[in-house]
Amino acid sequence: KRTTALLETIIDGPDLAIIATALTGTIETFNPGAERMLGYKADEVIGKREGNSFQVPQEMEEYARETTTETGETDFTTTGLLRYRAERGLPIRHDWTFVRKDGSQLPVSLSFSARHDDEGNIAGFVAIAEDTTESQAQQRKLAETTQFLETIINAVEHAVISTDNDGIIQAFNPGAEKITGYSADELVGKSNSF
């Protein structure tokens, strides 16, 4: 009973979109998190849409190409692709873009797995998605900051040499090249005992 209550709390929570489908891909469960992320009410999609109908088609096509390269198999339908991977225990955690009811797009990290009946046969699938908007914004900000700092370091005339905890040179700016006579290509990745 306690486990059931815990699972209900997770499923009914607003932070993760949980979408369960039949073998055919038709949606059977659409939790409040999915409603919040996608803008649909459960009664608009349960039994009426396929679980993959929220994904950008080009991303699914690219994922099919990646799976073909990885496995040698070809000619996947979207449902067939995810089923193929789930049946073989291949990992299905991928960054996707959901298309919301209003047409806007939402970046998500999606995990997908098969769900089984009492005999162990695949009875359908479960997708769990997490909104990655904030983490992607943080990654962009970090990349911008890193680029800004690299620009400053490369512009100063002073030697700037950066090493990791093991003393391996990670960065060697033009000022360091000018002062030491060594190029960054000669020293980056090597011990700082030059």
C-alpha atoms as a PDB file:
ATOM      1  CA  LYS A   1       0.000   0.000   0.000  1.00  0.00           C
ATOM      2  CA  ARG A   2       2.855   2.371   0.871  1.00  0.00           C
ATOM      3  CA  THR A   3       4.592   1.580  -2.438  1.00  0.00           C
ATOM      4  CA  THR A   4       1.374   2.268  -4.326  1.00  0.00           C
ATOM      5  CA  ALA A   5       1.000   5.640  -2.592  1.00  0.00           C
ATOM      6  CA  LEU A   6       4.604   6.523  -3.430  1.00  0.00           C
ATOM      7  CA  LEU A   7       4.128   5.597  -7.093  1.00  0.00           C
ATOM      8  CA  GLU A   8       0.909   7.614  -7.269  1.00  0.00           C
ATOM      9  CA  THR A   9       2.727  10.627  -5.818  1.00  0.00           C
ATOM     10  CA  ILE A  10       5.433  10.333  -8.459  1.00  0.00           C
ATOM     11  CA  ILE A  11       2.984   9.791 -11.318  1.00  0.00           C
ATOM     12  CA  ASP A  12       0.704  12.627 -10.218  1.00  0.00           C
ATOM     13  CA  GLY A  13       3.598  15.047  -9.695  1.00  0.00           C
ATOM     14  CA  PRO A  14       4.021  18.115 -11.888  1.00  0.00           C
ATOM     15  CA  ASP A  15       7.762  17.857 -12.554  1.00  0.00           C
ATOM     16  CA  LEU A  16       7.982  14.828 -14.850  1.00  0.00           C
ATOM     17  CA  ALA A  17       5.862  14.055 -17.874  1.00  0.00           C
ATOM     18  CA  ILE A  18       4.851  10.392 -17.758  1.00  0.00           C
ATOM     19  CA  ILE A  19       3.174   8.996 -20.848  1.00  0.00           C
ATOM     20  CA  ALA A  20       2.267   5.308 -21.121  1.00  0.00           C
ATOM     21  CA  THR A  21       1.187   3.760 -24.391  1.00  0.00           C
ATOM     22  CA  ALA A  22      -0.223   0.514 -25.685  1.00  0.00           C
ATOM     23  CA  LEU A  23       1.880  -1.644 -28.016  1.00  0.00           C
ATOM     24  CA  THR A  24       0.379   0.285 -30.909  1.00  0.00           C
ATOM     25  CA  GLY A  25       1.698   3.547 -29.475  1.00  0.00           C
ATOM     26  CA  THR A  26      -1.749   4.862 -28.519  1.00  0.00           C
ATOM     27  CA  ILE A  27      -1.619   6.863 -25.282  1.00  0.00           C
ATOM     28  CA  GLU A  28      -3.147   5.160 -22.237  1.00  0.00           C
ATOM     29  CA  THR A  29      -1.755   7.359 -19.426  1.00  0.00           C
ATOM     30  CA  PHE A  30      -0.979  11.079 -19.514  1.00  0.00           C
ATOM     31  CA  ASN A  31      -0.046  12.473 -16.104  1.00  0.00           C
ATOM     32  CA  PRO A  32      -0.357  16.068 -14.778  1.00  0.00           C
ATOM     33  CA  GLY A  33       3.324  16.692 -15.580  1.00  0.00           C
ATOM     34  CA  ALA A  34       2.645  15.810 -19.221  1.00  0.00           C
ATOM     35  CA  GLU A  35      -0.389  18.098 -19.195  1.00  0.00           C
ATOM     36  CA  ARG A  36       1.735  20.957 -17.832  1.00  0.00           C
ATOM     37  CA  MET A  37       4.624  20.415 -20.246  1.00  0.00           C
ATOM     38  CA  LEU A  38       2.588  19.825 -23.374  1.00  0.00           C
ATOM     39  CA  GLY A  39      -0.546  21.905 -22.800  1.00  0.00           C
ATOM     40  CA  TYR A  40      -3.015  19.075 -23.460  1.00  0.00           C
ATOM     41  CA  LYS A  41      -5.503  17.686 -20.970  1.00  0.00           C
ATOM     42  CA  ALA A  42      -5.356  13.916 -20.520  1.00  0.00           C
ATOM     43  CA  ASP A  43      -8.825  13.449 -22.039  1.00  0.00           C
ATOM     44  CA  GLU A  44      -7.634  15.175 -25.226  1.00  0.00           C
ATOM     45  CA  VAL A  45      -4.934  12.573 -25.878  1.00  0.00           C
ATOM     46  CA  ILE A  46      -5.753   9.286 -24.103  1.00  0.00           C
ATOM     47  CA  GLY A  47      -6.902   6.828 -26.750  1.00  0.00           C
ATOM     48  CA  LYS A  48      -6.714   9.550 -29.415  1.00  0.00           C
ATOM     49  CA  ARG A  49      -3.026  10.217 -30.069  1.00  0.00           C
ATOM     50  CA  GLU A  50       0.210   8.284 -30.256  1.00  0.00           C
ATOM     51  CA  GLY A  51       2.933   8.933 -27.732  1.00  0.00           C
ATOM     52  CA  ASN A  52       5.447   9.934 -30.385  1.00  0.00           C
ATOM     53  CA  SER A  53       3.156  12.616 -31.834  1.00  0.00           C
ATOM     54  CA  PHE A  54       4.758  15.252 -29.575  1.00  0.00           C
ATOM     55  CA  GLN A  55       8.268  14.824 -30.933  1.00  0.00           C
ATOM     56  CA  VAL A  56       9.872  16.711 -33.798  1.00  0.00           C
ATOM     57  CA  PRO A  57       9.829  14.257 -36.756  1.00  0.00           C
ATOM     58  CA  GLN A  58      13.328  15.207 -37.912  1.00  0.00           C
ATOM     59  CA  GLU A  59      14.733  14.250 -34.503  1.00  0.00           C
ATOM     60  CA  MET A  60      13.080  10.841 -34.712  1.00  0.00           C
ATOM     61  CA  GLU A  61      14.486  10.369 -38.218  1.00  0.00           C
ATOM     62  CA  GLU A  62      17.968  11.228 -36.944  1.00  0.00           C
ATOM     63  CA  TYR A  63      17.539   8.813 -34.033  1.00  0.00           C
ATOM     64  CA  ALA A  64      16.517   6.104 -36.512  1.00  0.00           C
ATOM     65  CA  ARG A  65      19.719   6.783 -38.506  1.00  0.00           C
ATOM     66  CA  GLU A  66      21.788   6.554 -35.292  1.00  0.00           C
ATOM     67  CA  THR A  67      20.106   3.256 -34.405  1.00  0.00           C
ATOM     68  CA  THR A  68      20.716   1.927 -37.919  1.00  0.00           C
ATOM     69  CA  THR A  69      24.411   2.802 -37.585  1.00  0.00           C
ATOM     70  CA  GLU A  70      24.536   1.222 -34.120  1.00  0.00           C
ATOM     71  CA  THR A  71      22.635  -1.982 -34.956  1.00  0.00           C
ATOM     72  CA  GLY A  72      22.734  -2.437 -38.726  1.00  0.00           C
ATOM     73  CA  GLU A  73      18.917  -2.665 -38.793  1.00  0.00           C
ATOM     74  CA  THR A  74      16.956  -0.352 -41.101  1.00  0.00           C
ATOM     75  CA  ASP A  75      13.454   0.781 -42.010  1.00  0.00           C
ATOM     76  CA  PHE A  76      12.146   1.750 -38.593  1.00  0.00           C
ATOM     77  CA  THR A  77       8.784   3.321 -37.996  1.00  0.00           C
ATOM     78  CA  THR A  78       8.857   5.565 -34.938  1.00  0.00           C
ATOM     79  CA  THR A  79       6.971   3.103 -32.776  1.00  0.00           C
ATOM     80  CA  GLY A  80       8.998   0.261 -34.287  1.00  0.00           C
ATOM     81  CA  LEU A  81      12.279   2.035 -33.534  1.00  0.00           C
ATOM     82  CA  LEU A  82      11.521   2.548 -29.866  1.00  0.00           C
ATOM     83  CA  ARG A  83      10.051  -0.943 -29.572  1.00  0.00           C
ATOM     84  CA  TYR A  84      13.131  -2.438 -31.241  1.00  0.00           C
ATOM     85  CA  ARG A  85      15.423  -0.710 -28.751  1.00  0.00           C
ATOM     86  CA  ALA A  86      13.226  -1.546 -25.737  1.00  0.00           C
ATOM     87  CA  GLU A  87      12.895  -5.239 -26.690  1.00  0.00           C
ATOM     88  CA  ARG A  88      16.675  -5.550 -26.868  1.00  0.00           C
ATOM     89  CA  GLY A  89      17.384  -3.625 -23.692  1.00  0.00           C
ATOM     90  CA  LEU A  90      19.200  -0.903 -25.617  1.00  0.00           C
ATOM     91  CA  PRO A  91      19.309   2.369 -23.701  1.00  0.00           C
ATOM     92  CA  ILE A  92      16.687   4.886 -24.602  1.00  0.00           C
ATOM     93  CA  ARG A  93      17.572   8.123 -22.885  1.00  0.00           C
ATOM     94  CA  HIS A  94      17.823  10.944 -25.312  1.00  0.00           C
ATOM     95  CA  ASP A  95      17.434  14.688 -25.571  1.00  0.00           C
ATOM     96  CA  TRP A  96      14.365  15.527 -27.650  1.00  0.00           C
ATOM     97  CA  THR A  97      12.220  18.480 -28.478  1.00  0.00           C
ATOM     98  CA  PHE A  98       8.534  18.226 -27.599  1.00  0.00           C
ATOM     99  CA  VAL A  99       6.038  20.242 -29.618  1.00  0.00           C
ATOM    100  CA  ARG A 100       3.374  21.680 -27.345  1.00  0.00           C
ATOM    101  CA  LYS A 101      -0.290  22.137 -28.127  1.00  0.00           C
ATOM    102  CA  ASP A 102       0.333  25.844 -28.887  1.00  0.00           C
ATOM    103  CA  GLY A 103       3.115  24.900 -31.344  1.00  0.00           C
ATOM    104  CA  SER A 104       5.967  26.079 -29.129  1.00  0.00           C
ATOM    105  CA  GLN A 105       8.873  23.744 -28.529  1.00  0.00           C
ATOM    106  CA  LEU A 106      10.200  22.370 -25.245  1.00  0.00           C
ATOM    107  CA  PRO A 107      13.598  20.681 -24.817  1.00  0.00           C
ATOM    108  CA  VAL A 108      13.347  17.510 -22.729  1.00  0.00           C
ATOM    109  CA  SER A 109      15.433  14.588 -21.627  1.00  0.00           C
ATOM    110  CA  LEU A 110      13.338  11.501 -22.321  1.00  0.00           C
ATOM    111  CA  SER A 111      13.708   7.980 -20.979  1.00  0.00           C
ATOM    112  CA  PHE A 112      11.691   5.280 -22.665  1.00  0.00           C
ATOM    113  CA  SER A 113      11.172   1.681 -21.614  1.00  0.00           C
ATOM    114  CA  ALA A 114       8.936  -1.276 -22.228  1.00  0.00           C
ATOM    115  CA  ARG A 115       6.316  -2.267 -19.655  1.00  0.00           C
ATOM    116  CA  HIS A 116       5.459  -5.925 -19.289  1.00  0.00           C
ATOM    117  CA  ASP A 117       2.332  -7.927 -18.528  1.00  0.00           C
ATOM    118  CA  ASP A 118       2.138 -10.687 -15.905  1.00  0.00           C
ATOM    119  CA  GLU A 119       3.636 -13.226 -18.352  1.00  0.00           C
ATOM    120  CA  GLY A 120       6.619 -11.002 -19.114  1.00  0.00           C
ATOM    121  CA  ASN A 121       5.471  -9.984 -22.586  1.00  0.00           C
ATOM    122  CA  ILE A 122       5.782  -6.379 -23.681  1.00  0.00           C
ATOM    123  CA  ALA A 123       2.378  -4.793 -23.090  1.00  0.00           C
ATOM    124  CA  GLY A 124       3.262  -1.224 -23.985  1.00  0.00           C
ATOM    125  CA  PHE A 125       5.741   1.501 -23.273  1.00  0.00           C
ATOM    126  CA  VAL A 126       6.394   4.223 -20.735  1.00  0.00           C
ATOM    127  CA  ALA A 127       8.098   7.519 -21.511  1.00  0.00           C
ATOM    128  CA  ILE A 128       9.319   9.821 -18.753  1.00  0.00           C
ATOM    129  CA  ALA A 129      10.399  13.312 -19.773  1.00  0.00           C
ATOM    130  CA  GLU A 130      12.086  16.089 -17.847  1.00  0.00           C
ATOM    131  CA  ASP A 131      12.097  19.722 -18.988  1.00  0.00           C
ATOM    132  CA  THR A 132      15.713  20.699 -19.707  1.00  0.00           C
ATOM    133  CA  THR A 133      15.090  24.371 -20.542  1.00  0.00           C
ATOM    134  CA  GLU A 134      16.882  25.632 -17.433  1.00  0.00           C
ATOM    135  CA  SER A 135      19.861  23.292 -17.670  1.00  0.00           C
ATOM    136  CA  GLN A 136      20.331  24.138 -21.357  1.00  0.00           C
ATOM    137  CA  ALA A 137      20.260  27.850 -20.497  1.00  0.00           C
ATOM    138  CA  GLN A 138      22.908  27.230 -17.823  1.00  0.00           C
ATOM    139  CA  GLN A 139      25.051  25.303 -20.309  1.00  0.00           C
ATOM    140  CA  ARG A 140      24.792  28.146 -22.839  1.00  0.00           C
ATOM    141  CA  LYS A 141      25.733  30.693 -20.154  1.00  0.00           C
ATOM    142  CA  LEU A 142      28.721  28.587 -19.101  1.00  0.00           C
ATOM    143  CA  ALA A 143      29.874  28.298 -22.728  1.00  0.00           C
ATOM    144  CA  GLU A 144      29.530  32.068 -23.193  1.00  0.00           C
ATOM    145  CA  THR A 145      31.479  32.751 -20.000  1.00  0.00           C
ATOM    146  CA  THR A 146      34.192  30.288 -21.011  1.00  0.00           C
ATOM    147  CA  GLN A 147      34.489  31.918 -24.439  1.00  0.00           C
ATOM    148  CA  PHE A 148      34.659  35.373 -22.838  1.00  0.00           C
ATOM    149  CA  LEU A 149      37.435  34.294 -20.458  1.00  0.00           C
ATOM    150  CA  GLU A 150      39.382  32.591 -23.276  1.00  0.00           C
ATOM    151  CA  THR A 151      39.188  35.810 -25.291  1.00  0.00           C
ATOM    152  CA  ILE A 152      40.581  37.828 -22.373  1.00  0.00           C
ATOM    153  CA  ILE A 153      43.331  35.297 -21.616  1.00  0.00           C
ATOM    154  CA  ASN A 154      44.386  35.192 -25.251  1.00  0.00           C
ATOM    155  CA  ALA A 155      44.450  39.002 -25.467  1.00  0.00           C
ATOM    156  CA  VAL A 156      46.768  39.716 -22.502  1.00  0.00           C
ATOM    157  CA  GLU A 157      50.503  39.929 -23.019  1.00  0.00           C
ATOM    158  CA  HIS A 158      51.280  38.217 -19.726  1.00  0.00           C
ATOM    159  CA  ALA A 159      51.896  34.490 -19.632  1.00  0.00           C
ATOM    160  CA  VAL A 160      48.847  32.530 -18.551  1.00  0.00           C
ATOM    161  CA  ILE A 161      49.401  28.822 -18.035  1.00  0.00           C
ATOM    162  CA  SER A 162      46.722  26.615 -16.529  1.00  0.00           C
ATOM    163  CA  THR A 163      47.269  23.090 -15.205  1.00  0.00           C
ATOM    164  CA  ASP A 164      45.041  20.406 -13.732  1.00  0.00           C
ATOM    165  CA  ASN A 165      45.578  18.819 -10.307  1.00  0.00           C
ATOM    166  CA  ASP A 166      48.189  16.460 -11.779  1.00  0.00           C
ATOM    167  CA  GLY A 167      50.277  19.304 -13.202  1.00  0.00           C
ATOM    168  CA  ILE A 168      49.225  18.641 -16.803  1.00  0.00           C
ATOM    169  CA  ILE A 169      49.027  21.841 -18.844  1.00  0.00           C
ATOM    170  CA  GLN A 170      45.464  22.596 -19.924  1.00  0.00           C
ATOM    171  CA  ALA A 171      45.913  26.098 -21.356  1.00  0.00           C
ATOM    172  CA  PHE A 172      48.912  28.060 -22.637  1.00  0.00           C
ATOM    173  CA  ASN A 173      48.110  31.512 -23.978  1.00  0.00           C
ATOM    174  CA  PRO A 174      49.916  33.536 -26.698  1.00  0.00           C
ATOM    175  CA  GLY A 175      51.634  35.600 -23.976  1.00  0.00           C
ATOM    176  CA  ALA A 176      53.147  32.400 -22.572  1.00  0.00           C
ATOM    177  CA  GLU A 177      54.217  31.365 -26.059  1.00  0.00           C
ATOM    178  CA  LYS A 178      55.946  34.709 -26.606  1.00  0.00           C
ATOM    179  CA  ILE A 179      57.734  34.680 -23.231  1.00  0.00           C
ATOM    180  CA  THR A 180      58.793  30.998 -23.197  1.00  0.00           C
ATOM    181  CA  GLY A 181      59.334  30.340 -26.885  1.00  0.00           C
ATOM    182  CA  TYR A 182      57.157  27.217 -26.707  1.00  0.00           C
ATOM    183  CA  SER A 183      53.898  26.850 -28.591  1.00  0.00           C
ATOM    184  CA  ALA A 184      50.649  25.759 -26.961  1.00  0.00           C
ATOM    185  CA  ASP A 185      50.608  22.738 -29.294  1.00  0.00           C
ATOM    186  CA  GLU A 186      53.960  21.619 -27.846  1.00  0.00           C
ATOM    187  CA  LEU A 187      52.873  21.798 -24.197  1.00  0.00           C
ATOM    188  CA  VAL A 188      49.113  21.444 -23.739  1.00  0.00           C
ATOM    189  CA  GLY A 189      48.427  17.960 -22.433  1.00  0.00           C
ATOM    190  CA  LYS A 190      51.954  17.524 -21.085  1.00  0.00           C
ATOM    191  CA  SER A 191      53.509  17.916 -17.640  1.00  0.00           C
ATOM    192  CA  ASN A 192      54.368  21.468 -16.629  1.00  0.00           C
ATOM    193  CA  SER A 193      58.045  20.606 -16.097  1.00  0.00           C
ATOM    194  CA  PHE A 194      59.189  22.357 -19.248  1.00  0.00           C
END
